[in-house]
């Protein structure tokens, strides 16, 4: 392939979030269900089912719909059939904002939440799940891509502060300049819309991009942006598939 740049999704591609964002969803949903007096509990399998649907790249959205559906006593095996993509008005509701706040406390921890939000957290003495994240990409791979003169960027649904935290925490800033990182606040619409990818293309001033993702939303966004997509995972999605991000050289070389 003739390409001049490689853009990565962050969660599930560069960073392992199975012990952070996914657990934050589980803890938030189960807390709210408990407050409603419901004994049903969400599992990682239930979360994966929602996250694998188009339109649920955003973890706050996935958390909200799980609480909404399970509160209505929808059976777990029917979640995928009953779920509907959120409208902008849903995100303005008081419940959505409360759910988002609780989620952020579980993810960031009480102290970091207070520092970022400039207000007291709704839960105290919470250790942030963000501290349990692990880096998935090897420095050796990024070095190879650099030596091939590819520009490297990131398109993620994370808020910018959380994306930059991960880049600095895993010492990836030498490979990903801040201006080449497109986060939640940087585009008018989230994946699966193509807006974030097109924003990255404009910022990086490149033409022949390839996007590396791990969800159906990544694949749809890349297709809509007219970019080839390498899918990281076992499913037969994208233009090419790899099971591990560090096998990327095999499809690029």
C-alpha atoms as a PDB file:
ATOM      1  CA  UNK A   1       0.000   0.000   0.000  1.00  0.00           C
ATOM      2  CA  UNK A   2       1.130   3.514  -0.698  1.00  0.00           C
ATOM      3  CA  UNK A   3       0.521   5.342   2.574  1.00  0.00           C
ATOM      4  CA  UNK A   4       2.151   8.325   4.234  1.00  0.00           C
ATOM      5  CA  UNK A   5       0.657   8.095   7.732  1.00  0.00           C
ATOM      6  CA  UNK A   6      -0.777   5.690  10.287  1.00  0.00           C
ATOM      7  CA  UNK A   7      -3.555   6.709  12.668  1.00  0.00           C
ATOM      8  CA  UNK A   8      -4.357   4.601  15.709  1.00  0.00           C
ATOM      9  CA  UNK A   9      -7.432   4.250  17.836  1.00  0.00           C
ATOM     10  CA  UNK A  10      -6.313   4.329  21.468  1.00  0.00           C
ATOM     11  CA  UNK A  11      -8.499   2.046  23.610  1.00  0.00           C
ATOM     12  CA  UNK A  12      -8.005  -1.603  22.746  1.00  0.00           C
ATOM     13  CA  UNK A  13      -5.293  -0.777  20.211  1.00  0.00           C
ATOM     14  CA  UNK A  14      -2.605   1.265  21.954  1.00  0.00           C
ATOM     15  CA  UNK A  15      -3.912   0.808  25.502  1.00  0.00           C
ATOM     16  CA  UNK A  16      -5.495  -2.157  27.287  1.00  0.00           C
ATOM     17  CA  UNK A  17      -8.650  -0.810  28.958  1.00  0.00           C
ATOM     18  CA  UNK A  18     -10.206  -4.081  30.102  1.00  0.00           C
ATOM     19  CA  UNK A  19      -9.331  -3.190  33.713  1.00  0.00           C
ATOM     20  CA  UNK A  20     -10.193   0.510  33.438  1.00  0.00           C
ATOM     21  CA  UNK A  21     -12.949   1.811  31.167  1.00  0.00           C
ATOM     22  CA  UNK A  22     -14.749  -1.535  30.951  1.00  0.00           C
ATOM     23  CA  UNK A  23     -14.663  -1.974  34.725  1.00  0.00           C
ATOM     24  CA  UNK A  24     -15.830   1.632  35.187  1.00  0.00           C
ATOM     25  CA  UNK A  25     -18.894   0.793  33.077  1.00  0.00           C
ATOM     26  CA  UNK A  26     -19.594  -2.294  35.193  1.00  0.00           C
ATOM     27  CA  UNK A  27     -19.184  -0.480  38.522  1.00  0.00           C
ATOM     28  CA  UNK A  28     -21.318   2.483  37.431  1.00  0.00           C
ATOM     29  CA  UNK A  29     -24.170   0.396  36.046  1.00  0.00           C
ATOM     30  CA  UNK A  30     -24.294  -1.865  39.091  1.00  0.00           C
ATOM     31  CA  UNK A  31     -24.190   1.094  41.498  1.00  0.00           C
ATOM     32  CA  UNK A  32     -27.182   2.750  39.822  1.00  0.00           C
ATOM     33  CA  UNK A  33     -29.120  -0.510  39.556  1.00  0.00           C
ATOM     34  CA  UNK A  34     -28.530  -1.091  43.258  1.00  0.00           C
ATOM     35  CA  UNK A  35     -29.765   2.410  44.075  1.00  0.00           C
ATOM     36  CA  UNK A  36     -32.937   1.602  42.140  1.00  0.00           C
ATOM     37  CA  UNK A  37     -33.450  -1.510  44.262  1.00  0.00           C
ATOM     38  CA  UNK A  38     -32.755  -3.895  41.385  1.00  0.00           C
ATOM     39  CA  UNK A  39     -30.834  -7.105  41.975  1.00  0.00           C
ATOM     40  CA  UNK A  40     -29.758  -7.663  38.372  1.00  0.00           C
ATOM     41  CA  UNK A  41     -26.078  -7.043  37.739  1.00  0.00           C
ATOM     42  CA  UNK A  42     -24.298  -6.276  34.482  1.00  0.00           C
ATOM     43  CA  UNK A  43     -21.344  -8.402  33.352  1.00  0.00           C
ATOM     44  CA  UNK A  44     -18.437  -7.790  31.015  1.00  0.00           C
ATOM     45  CA  UNK A  45     -20.231  -9.971  28.461  1.00  0.00           C
ATOM     46  CA  UNK A  46     -23.264  -7.644  28.569  1.00  0.00           C
ATOM     47  CA  UNK A  47     -20.993  -4.613  28.190  1.00  0.00           C
ATOM     48  CA  UNK A  48     -19.162  -6.137  25.222  1.00  0.00           C
ATOM     49  CA  UNK A  49     -22.487  -6.762  23.484  1.00  0.00           C
ATOM     50  CA  UNK A  50     -23.401  -3.077  23.672  1.00  0.00           C
ATOM     51  CA  UNK A  51     -19.902  -1.822  22.873  1.00  0.00           C
ATOM     52  CA  UNK A  52     -19.816  -3.993  19.744  1.00  0.00           C
ATOM     53  CA  UNK A  53     -22.860  -2.225  18.313  1.00  0.00           C
ATOM     54  CA  UNK A  54     -22.544   0.708  15.881  1.00  0.00           C
ATOM     55  CA  UNK A  55     -23.074   4.021  17.650  1.00  0.00           C
ATOM     56  CA  UNK A  56     -21.674   3.054  21.058  1.00  0.00           C
ATOM     57  CA  UNK A  57     -18.062   4.076  20.814  1.00  0.00           C
ATOM     58  CA  UNK A  58     -18.685   6.381  23.792  1.00  0.00           C
ATOM     59  CA  UNK A  59     -18.495   4.564  27.152  1.00  0.00           C
ATOM     60  CA  UNK A  60     -20.804   7.077  28.853  1.00  0.00           C
ATOM     61  CA  UNK A  61     -23.466   6.301  26.255  1.00  0.00           C
ATOM     62  CA  UNK A  62     -23.010   2.562  26.715  1.00  0.00           C
ATOM     63  CA  UNK A  63     -23.299   2.965  30.488  1.00  0.00           C
ATOM     64  CA  UNK A  64     -26.446   5.066  30.179  1.00  0.00           C
ATOM     65  CA  UNK A  65     -28.282   2.633  27.896  1.00  0.00           C
ATOM     66  CA  UNK A  66     -27.367  -0.374  30.032  1.00  0.00           C
ATOM     67  CA  UNK A  67     -28.814   1.332  33.102  1.00  0.00           C
ATOM     68  CA  UNK A  68     -31.876   2.429  31.146  1.00  0.00           C
ATOM     69  CA  UNK A  69     -32.630  -0.981  29.648  1.00  0.00           C
ATOM     70  CA  UNK A  70     -31.951  -3.023  32.777  1.00  0.00           C
ATOM     71  CA  UNK A  71     -34.003  -0.569  34.856  1.00  0.00           C
ATOM     72  CA  UNK A  72     -36.911  -1.329  32.514  1.00  0.00           C
ATOM     73  CA  UNK A  73     -36.350  -5.024  33.280  1.00  0.00           C
ATOM     74  CA  UNK A  74     -35.331  -5.850  29.718  1.00  0.00           C
ATOM     75  CA  UNK A  75     -33.864  -9.345  29.740  1.00  0.00           C
ATOM     76  CA  UNK A  76     -30.119  -9.498  29.157  1.00  0.00           C
ATOM     77  CA  UNK A  77     -30.470 -11.662  26.065  1.00  0.00           C
ATOM     78  CA  UNK A  78     -32.652  -8.930  24.543  1.00  0.00           C
ATOM     79  CA  UNK A  79     -30.311  -5.983  25.202  1.00  0.00           C
ATOM     80  CA  UNK A  80     -28.890  -5.901  21.680  1.00  0.00           C
ATOM     81  CA  UNK A  81     -32.380  -5.937  20.172  1.00  0.00           C
ATOM     82  CA  UNK A  82     -33.813  -3.214  22.419  1.00  0.00           C
ATOM     83  CA  UNK A  83     -30.958  -0.706  22.484  1.00  0.00           C
ATOM     84  CA  UNK A  84     -31.258   2.521  20.531  1.00  0.00           C
ATOM     85  CA  UNK A  85     -28.558   5.046  19.720  1.00  0.00           C
ATOM     86  CA  UNK A  86     -28.753   8.052  22.006  1.00  0.00           C
ATOM     87  CA  UNK A  87     -29.969  11.387  20.727  1.00  0.00           C
ATOM     88  CA  UNK A  88     -28.318  14.691  21.758  1.00  0.00           C
ATOM     89  CA  UNK A  89     -31.288  15.446  24.029  1.00  0.00           C
ATOM     90  CA  UNK A  90     -30.604  12.260  26.028  1.00  0.00           C
ATOM     91  CA  UNK A  91     -27.156  13.572  26.910  1.00  0.00           C
ATOM     92  CA  UNK A  92     -28.636  16.726  28.414  1.00  0.00           C
ATOM     93  CA  UNK A  93     -30.706  14.880  30.986  1.00  0.00           C
ATOM     94  CA  UNK A  94     -29.900  15.023  34.682  1.00  0.00           C
ATOM     95  CA  UNK A  95     -29.550  11.242  34.881  1.00  0.00           C
ATOM     96  CA  UNK A  96     -27.012  11.138  32.034  1.00  0.00           C
ATOM     97  CA  UNK A  97     -24.895  13.780  33.772  1.00  0.00           C
ATOM     98  CA  UNK A  98     -25.087  11.937  37.093  1.00  0.00           C
ATOM     99  CA  UNK A  99     -24.077   8.677  35.414  1.00  0.00           C
ATOM    100  CA  UNK A 100     -21.185  10.406  33.665  1.00  0.00           C
ATOM    101  CA  UNK A 101     -19.953  11.890  36.959  1.00  0.00           C
ATOM    102  CA  UNK A 102     -19.987   8.548  38.762  1.00  0.00           C
ATOM    103  CA  UNK A 103     -18.254   6.870  35.828  1.00  0.00           C
ATOM    104  CA  UNK A 104     -15.532   9.517  35.824  1.00  0.00           C
ATOM    105  CA  UNK A 105     -14.904   9.078  39.547  1.00  0.00           C
ATOM    106  CA  UNK A 106     -14.452   5.321  39.127  1.00  0.00           C
ATOM    107  CA  UNK A 107     -12.168   5.862  36.137  1.00  0.00           C
ATOM    108  CA  UNK A 108     -10.118   8.840  37.332  1.00  0.00           C
ATOM    109  CA  UNK A 109     -10.310   8.346  41.091  1.00  0.00           C
ATOM    110  CA  UNK A 110     -11.627  10.881  43.583  1.00  0.00           C
ATOM    111  CA  UNK A 111      -8.495  13.035  43.755  1.00  0.00           C
ATOM    112  CA  UNK A 112      -7.898  13.319  40.011  1.00  0.00           C
ATOM    113  CA  UNK A 113     -11.608  13.933  39.421  1.00  0.00           C
ATOM    114  CA  UNK A 114     -11.522  16.872  41.824  1.00  0.00           C
ATOM    115  CA  UNK A 115      -8.393  18.257  40.171  1.00  0.00           C
ATOM    116  CA  UNK A 116      -9.849  18.053  36.659  1.00  0.00           C
ATOM    117  CA  UNK A 117     -13.468  18.979  37.370  1.00  0.00           C
ATOM    118  CA  UNK A 118     -12.632  21.660  39.976  1.00  0.00           C
ATOM    119  CA  UNK A 119     -15.382  20.357  42.286  1.00  0.00           C
ATOM    120  CA  UNK A 120     -15.886  17.684  44.895  1.00  0.00           C
ATOM    121  CA  UNK A 121     -16.491  14.174  43.535  1.00  0.00           C
ATOM    122  CA  UNK A 122     -19.815  12.422  44.157  1.00  0.00           C
ATOM    123  CA  UNK A 123     -17.859   9.491  45.653  1.00  0.00           C
ATOM    124  CA  UNK A 124     -14.817   9.787  47.921  1.00  0.00           C
ATOM    125  CA  UNK A 125     -11.798   7.573  48.559  1.00  0.00           C
ATOM    126  CA  UNK A 126     -12.015   5.959  45.134  1.00  0.00           C
ATOM    127  CA  UNK A 127      -8.785   4.737  43.541  1.00  0.00           C
ATOM    128  CA  UNK A 128      -8.760   5.500  39.833  1.00  0.00           C
ATOM    129  CA  UNK A 129      -9.032   2.572  37.422  1.00  0.00           C
ATOM    130  CA  UNK A 130      -6.938   4.644  35.006  1.00  0.00           C
ATOM    131  CA  UNK A 131      -3.943   3.423  37.031  1.00  0.00           C
ATOM    132  CA  UNK A 132      -4.634  -0.169  35.925  1.00  0.00           C
ATOM    133  CA  UNK A 133      -4.188   0.471  32.207  1.00  0.00           C
ATOM    134  CA  UNK A 134      -1.404  -1.233  30.275  1.00  0.00           C
ATOM    135  CA  UNK A 135       0.349  -0.291  27.065  1.00  0.00           C
ATOM    136  CA  UNK A 136      -0.297  -2.680  24.181  1.00  0.00           C
ATOM    137  CA  UNK A 137       1.956  -1.250  21.476  1.00  0.00           C
ATOM    138  CA  UNK A 138       5.697  -1.876  21.508  1.00  0.00           C
ATOM    139  CA  UNK A 139       8.223   0.917  21.201  1.00  0.00           C
ATOM    140  CA  UNK A 140       9.994  -1.260  18.620  1.00  0.00           C
ATOM    141  CA  UNK A 141       6.976  -1.108  16.297  1.00  0.00           C
ATOM    142  CA  UNK A 142       6.661   2.653  16.634  1.00  0.00           C
ATOM    143  CA  UNK A 143      10.388   3.013  15.940  1.00  0.00           C
ATOM    144  CA  UNK A 144       9.998   0.989  12.751  1.00  0.00           C
ATOM    145  CA  UNK A 145       7.104   3.161  11.582  1.00  0.00           C
ATOM    146  CA  UNK A 146       9.119   6.276  12.349  1.00  0.00           C
ATOM    147  CA  UNK A 147      12.055   4.981  10.346  1.00  0.00           C
ATOM    148  CA  UNK A 148       9.650   4.364   7.459  1.00  0.00           C
ATOM    149  CA  UNK A 149       8.869   8.106   7.633  1.00  0.00           C
ATOM    150  CA  UNK A 150       5.201   7.622   8.458  1.00  0.00           C
ATOM    151  CA  UNK A 151       3.462  10.380  10.366  1.00  0.00           C
ATOM    152  CA  UNK A 152       1.726   8.870  13.389  1.00  0.00           C
ATOM    153  CA  UNK A 153      -1.537  10.101  14.875  1.00  0.00           C
ATOM    154  CA  UNK A 154      -4.297   9.063  17.255  1.00  0.00           C
ATOM    155  CA  UNK A 155      -8.069   9.336  16.874  1.00  0.00           C
ATOM    156  CA  UNK A 156      -9.840   8.466  20.103  1.00  0.00           C
ATOM    157  CA  UNK A 157     -13.175   8.911  21.814  1.00  0.00           C
ATOM    158  CA  UNK A 158     -11.365   9.779  25.054  1.00  0.00           C
ATOM    159  CA  UNK A 159     -11.509  13.308  26.409  1.00  0.00           C
ATOM    160  CA  UNK A 160      -8.252  15.065  25.535  1.00  0.00           C
ATOM    161  CA  UNK A 161      -6.900  15.124  29.088  1.00  0.00           C
ATOM    162  CA  UNK A 162      -7.327  11.363  29.385  1.00  0.00           C
ATOM    163  CA  UNK A 163      -5.742  10.742  25.999  1.00  0.00           C
ATOM    164  CA  UNK A 164      -2.734  12.900  26.843  1.00  0.00           C
ATOM    165  CA  UNK A 165      -2.416  11.200  30.243  1.00  0.00           C
ATOM    166  CA  UNK A 166      -2.081   7.812  28.527  1.00  0.00           C
ATOM    167  CA  UNK A 167       0.434   9.080  25.953  1.00  0.00           C
ATOM    168  CA  UNK A 168       2.642  10.595  28.658  1.00  0.00           C
ATOM    169  CA  UNK A 169       2.128   7.744  31.129  1.00  0.00           C
ATOM    170  CA  UNK A 170       3.402   5.220  28.585  1.00  0.00           C
ATOM    171  CA  UNK A 171       6.070   7.599  27.247  1.00  0.00           C
ATOM    172  CA  UNK A 172       4.672   7.718  23.725  1.00  0.00           C
ATOM    173  CA  UNK A 173       4.906  11.505  23.277  1.00  0.00           C
ATOM    174  CA  UNK A 174       7.968  11.232  21.024  1.00  0.00           C
ATOM    175  CA  UNK A 175       5.850   9.330  18.497  1.00  0.00           C
ATOM    176  CA  UNK A 176       2.549  11.187  18.779  1.00  0.00           C
ATOM    177  CA  UNK A 177       2.717  15.005  18.744  1.00  0.00           C
ATOM    178  CA  UNK A 178      -0.195  16.600  20.612  1.00  0.00           C
ATOM    179  CA  UNK A 179      -1.486  18.271  17.453  1.00  0.00           C
ATOM    180  CA  UNK A 180      -1.786  14.820  15.844  1.00  0.00           C
ATOM    181  CA  UNK A 181      -4.083  13.559  18.613  1.00  0.00           C
ATOM    182  CA  UNK A 182      -7.801  13.993  17.876  1.00  0.00           C
ATOM    183  CA  UNK A 183      -9.863  13.467  21.030  1.00  0.00           C
ATOM    184  CA  UNK A 184     -13.538  13.672  22.000  1.00  0.00           C
ATOM    185  CA  UNK A 185     -13.708  17.474  22.052  1.00  0.00           C
ATOM    186  CA  UNK A 186     -11.963  17.967  18.708  1.00  0.00           C
ATOM    187  CA  UNK A 187     -14.638  16.844  16.246  1.00  0.00           C
ATOM    188  CA  UNK A 188     -18.306  17.734  15.820  1.00  0.00           C
ATOM    189  CA  UNK A 189     -19.382  14.067  15.793  1.00  0.00           C
ATOM    190  CA  UNK A 190     -17.917  10.895  17.250  1.00  0.00           C
ATOM    191  CA  UNK A 191     -17.142   7.632  15.503  1.00  0.00           C
ATOM    192  CA  UNK A 192     -18.797   5.944  13.610  1.00  0.00           C
ATOM    193  CA  UNK A 193     -19.080   9.318  11.879  1.00  0.00           C
ATOM    194  CA  UNK A 194     -15.952  10.138   9.858  1.00  0.00           C
ATOM    195  CA  UNK A 195     -15.442  13.593  11.421  1.00  0.00           C
ATOM    196  CA  UNK A 196     -12.584  12.665  13.807  1.00  0.00           C
ATOM    197  CA  UNK A 197     -10.623  10.903  11.069  1.00  0.00           C
ATOM    198  CA  UNK A 198     -11.093  13.766   8.643  1.00  0.00           C
ATOM    199  CA  UNK A 199      -9.981  16.171  11.379  1.00  0.00           C
ATOM    200  CA  UNK A 200      -6.796  14.151  11.856  1.00  0.00           C
ATOM    201  CA  UNK A 201      -6.146  14.117   8.104  1.00  0.00           C
ATOM    202  CA  UNK A 202      -6.444  17.896   7.987  1.00  0.00           C
ATOM    203  CA  UNK A 203      -4.240  18.470  11.041  1.00  0.00           C
ATOM    204  CA  UNK A 204      -1.533  16.111   9.861  1.00  0.00           C
ATOM    205  CA  UNK A 205      -1.617  17.454   6.286  1.00  0.00           C
ATOM    206  CA  UNK A 206      -1.479  14.008   4.756  1.00  0.00           C
ATOM    207  CA  UNK A 207      -3.394  12.260   1.999  1.00  0.00           C
ATOM    208  CA  UNK A 208      -2.787   8.519   2.151  1.00  0.00           C
ATOM    209  CA  UNK A 209      -3.778   7.397   5.629  1.00  0.00           C
ATOM    210  CA  UNK A 210      -4.514   4.041   7.160  1.00  0.00           C
ATOM    211  CA  UNK A 211      -6.542   3.696  10.370  1.00  0.00           C
ATOM    212  CA  UNK A 212      -5.979   1.017  13.003  1.00  0.00           C
ATOM    213  CA  UNK A 213      -9.050   0.164  15.092  1.00  0.00           C
ATOM    214  CA  UNK A 214     -10.669  -2.593  17.096  1.00  0.00           C
ATOM    215  CA  UNK A 215     -14.433  -1.978  16.934  1.00  0.00           C
ATOM    216  CA  UNK A 216     -17.170  -1.845  14.345  1.00  0.00           C
ATOM    217  CA  UNK A 217     -17.357   1.914  14.946  1.00  0.00           C
ATOM    218  CA  UNK A 218     -13.719   2.286  13.872  1.00  0.00           C
ATOM    219  CA  UNK A 219     -14.344   0.298  10.707  1.00  0.00           C
ATOM    220  CA  UNK A 220     -17.456   2.276   9.775  1.00  0.00           C
ATOM    221  CA  UNK A 221     -15.742   5.617  10.456  1.00  0.00           C
ATOM    222  CA  UNK A 222     -12.766   4.664   8.285  1.00  0.00           C
ATOM    223  CA  UNK A 223     -15.033   3.522   5.475  1.00  0.00           C
ATOM    224  CA  UNK A 224     -17.001   6.767   5.598  1.00  0.00           C
ATOM    225  CA  UNK A 225     -13.739   8.741   5.576  1.00  0.00           C
ATOM    226  CA  UNK A 226     -12.552   6.726   2.558  1.00  0.00           C
ATOM    227  CA  UNK A 227      -9.560   5.330   4.447  1.00  0.00           C
ATOM    228  CA  UNK A 228      -8.367   1.709   4.588  1.00  0.00           C
ATOM    229  CA  UNK A 229      -8.737   0.141   8.021  1.00  0.00           C
ATOM    230  CA  UNK A 230      -6.699  -2.522   9.777  1.00  0.00           C
ATOM    231  CA  UNK A 231      -8.855  -4.300  12.357  1.00  0.00           C
ATOM    232  CA  UNK A 232      -7.172  -5.595  15.510  1.00  0.00           C
ATOM    233  CA  UNK A 233      -9.113  -8.613  16.731  1.00  0.00           C
ATOM    234  CA  UNK A 234     -10.496 -12.004  15.784  1.00  0.00           C
ATOM    235  CA  UNK A 235     -13.522 -10.768  13.838  1.00  0.00           C
ATOM    236  CA  UNK A 236     -13.401 -10.512  10.060  1.00  0.00           C
ATOM    237  CA  UNK A 237     -13.751  -6.741   9.910  1.00  0.00           C
ATOM    238  CA  UNK A 238     -11.855  -3.978   8.160  1.00  0.00           C
ATOM    239  CA  UNK A 239      -9.761  -4.224   5.008  1.00  0.00           C
ATOM    240  CA  UNK A 240      -7.096  -6.254   6.817  1.00  0.00           C
ATOM    241  CA  UNK A 241      -7.067  -8.086  10.140  1.00  0.00           C
ATOM    242  CA  UNK A 242      -4.391  -8.714  12.744  1.00  0.00           C
ATOM    243  CA  UNK A 243      -4.815 -10.285  16.164  1.00  0.00           C
ATOM    244  CA  UNK A 244      -2.143  -8.164  17.852  1.00  0.00           C
ATOM    245  CA  UNK A 245      -1.188  -4.539  17.237  1.00  0.00           C
ATOM    246  CA  UNK A 246       2.485  -5.507  17.181  1.00  0.00           C
ATOM    247  CA  UNK A 247       1.882  -7.564  14.047  1.00  0.00           C
ATOM    248  CA  UNK A 248       1.088  -4.380  12.122  1.00  0.00           C
ATOM    249  CA  UNK A 249       4.363  -4.560  10.194  1.00  0.00           C
ATOM    250  CA  UNK A 250       3.126  -7.738   8.537  1.00  0.00           C
ATOM    251  CA  UNK A 251       0.393  -5.889   6.641  1.00  0.00           C
ATOM    252  CA  UNK A 252       2.243  -2.621   6.049  1.00  0.00           C
ATOM    253  CA  UNK A 253       5.520  -3.969   4.678  1.00  0.00           C
END
